[in-house]
Amino acid sequence: MRPAPRRRVGGAPQSRIRWDRAGRIALVLALAFVALSYVHPMLNLLDGWKEARSQSSRLQRLEAENVELSAHAKSLKDSEGVRRAARAAGLIAPGERPYVIHGLAAE
């Protein structure tokens, strides 16, 4: 024969809520909320890091261009450099006769 089920002392009805399971679920939900709250700042950090790398490479290109332009500006300070730059732009010196030759372009 089976023994009779025990009754709780005090006569209060037994709760159907399993508080140990509810506590674990609440803890998992709280941890998920905390983890999700870190997603957006991490994405912003990643975007900032990518932007910094992009700007760093752009800065290097602009510094190289600055060195090149500074050298060009330095060469234009003497008269020979100015003459070469004017010839490259298609200008003529005073007293020279300009010539235009047609039909040289390969079409």
Protein backbone atom coordinates (compact mmCIF):
# COMPACT_ATOMS: atom_id res chain seq x y z
CA MET A 1 0.00 0.00 0.00
CA ARG A 2 1.07 3.55 -0.73
CA PRO A 3 1.52 6.00 2.07
CA ALA A 4 -0.82 8.97 2.11
CA PRO A 5 0.60 12.25 0.75
CA ARG A 6 1.94 14.60 3.37
CA ARG A 7 0.13 17.78 4.09
CA ARG A 8 1.92 21.04 4.66
CA VAL A 9 2.06 22.27 8.17
CA GLY A 10 0.00 25.40 8.55
CA GLY A 11 -2.67 24.37 6.13
CA ALA A 12 -1.81 26.87 3.37
CA PRO A 13 -2.33 25.57 -0.17
CA GLN A 14 0.85 24.75 -2.12
CA SER A 15 1.76 27.35 -4.79
CA ARG A 16 1.71 26.23 -8.41
CA ILE A 17 4.47 28.69 -9.33
CA ARG A 18 7.89 27.14 -9.35
CA TRP A 19 9.94 30.06 -8.11
CA ASP A 20 13.27 28.46 -8.89
CA ARG A 21 12.33 28.17 -12.58
CA ALA A 22 10.80 31.66 -12.66
CA GLY A 23 13.96 33.07 -11.11
CA ARG A 24 16.13 31.41 -13.76
CA ILE A 25 13.89 32.72 -16.55
CA ALA A 26 14.00 36.23 -15.09
CA LEU A 27 17.80 36.03 -14.83
CA VAL A 28 18.13 34.85 -18.44
CA LEU A 29 15.84 37.66 -19.62
CA ALA A 30 17.83 40.23 -17.63
CA LEU A 31 21.12 38.96 -19.07
CA ALA A 32 19.64 39.03 -22.59
CA PHE A 33 18.52 42.63 -22.03
CA VAL A 34 21.97 43.64 -20.81
CA ALA A 35 23.62 41.90 -23.78
CA LEU A 36 21.26 43.57 -26.25
CA SER A 37 21.89 46.97 -24.67
CA TYR A 38 25.56 46.60 -25.66
CA VAL A 39 24.86 45.89 -29.35
CA HIS A 40 24.19 49.47 -30.50
CA PRO A 41 27.23 51.01 -28.75
CA MET A 42 29.44 48.25 -30.14
CA LEU A 43 28.15 48.95 -33.66
CA ASN A 44 28.87 52.65 -33.16
CA LEU A 45 32.37 51.79 -31.96
CA LEU A 46 32.95 49.61 -35.02
CA ASP A 47 31.71 52.36 -37.36
CA GLY A 48 33.98 54.88 -35.64
CA TRP A 49 36.94 52.55 -35.99
CA LYS A 50 36.27 52.07 -39.73
CA GLU A 51 35.86 55.83 -40.20
CA ALA A 52 39.13 56.49 -38.37
CA ARG A 53 40.98 54.06 -40.64
CA SER A 54 39.43 55.67 -43.71
CA GLN A 55 40.33 59.16 -42.54
CA SER A 56 43.87 58.03 -41.69
CA SER A 57 44.45 56.75 -45.22
CA ARG A 58 42.92 59.94 -46.63
CA LEU A 59 45.27 61.99 -44.43
CA GLN A 60 48.29 60.08 -45.76
CA ARG A 61 47.20 60.72 -49.37
CA LEU A 62 46.68 64.43 -48.66
CA GLU A 63 50.06 64.72 -46.93
CA ALA A 64 51.76 63.15 -49.96
CA GLU A 65 49.89 65.54 -52.25
CA ASN A 66 50.92 68.44 -50.01
CA VAL A 67 54.59 67.46 -50.31
CA GLU A 68 54.22 67.26 -54.09
CA LEU A 69 52.46 70.62 -54.34
CA SER A 70 54.99 72.27 -52.03
CA ALA A 71 57.81 71.07 -54.28
CA HIS A 72 55.94 72.40 -57.31
CA ALA A 73 55.37 75.76 -55.61
CA LYS A 74 59.05 75.92 -54.68
CA SER A 75 60.02 75.28 -58.32
CA LEU A 76 57.80 78.16 -59.45
CA LYS A 77 59.74 80.65 -57.35
CA ASP A 78 62.54 80.89 -59.92
CA SER A 79 62.03 82.23 -63.44
CA GLU A 80 63.02 78.97 -65.18
CA GLY A 81 60.35 77.06 -63.29
CA VAL A 82 57.74 79.65 -64.24
CA ARG A 83 58.81 79.42 -67.90
CA ARG A 84 58.52 75.62 -67.89
CA ALA A 85 55.08 75.75 -66.27
CA ALA A 86 53.91 78.36 -68.81
CA ARG A 87 55.16 76.23 -71.74
CA ALA A 88 53.41 73.18 -70.30
CA ALA A 89 50.18 75.20 -70.12
CA GLY A 90 50.55 76.19 -73.80
CA LEU A 91 51.56 79.81 -73.31
CA ILE A 92 54.09 81.65 -75.49
CA ALA A 93 56.77 84.16 -74.58
CA PRO A 94 56.41 87.81 -75.60
CA GLY A 95 57.60 88.36 -79.18
CA GLU A 96 57.09 84.71 -80.26
CA ARG A 97 54.71 83.85 -83.09
CA PRO A 98 52.09 81.22 -82.25
CA TYR A 99 51.38 78.42 -84.73
CA VAL A 100 48.32 76.20 -84.92
CA ILE A 101 48.71 72.91 -86.74
CA HIS A 102 45.51 71.14 -87.77
CA GLY A 103 45.04 67.45 -88.52
CA LEU A 104 47.52 65.98 -86.06
CA ALA A 105 44.96 64.25 -83.88
CA ALA A 106 44.50 60.57 -84.74
CA GLU A 107 40.78 60.13 -85.31
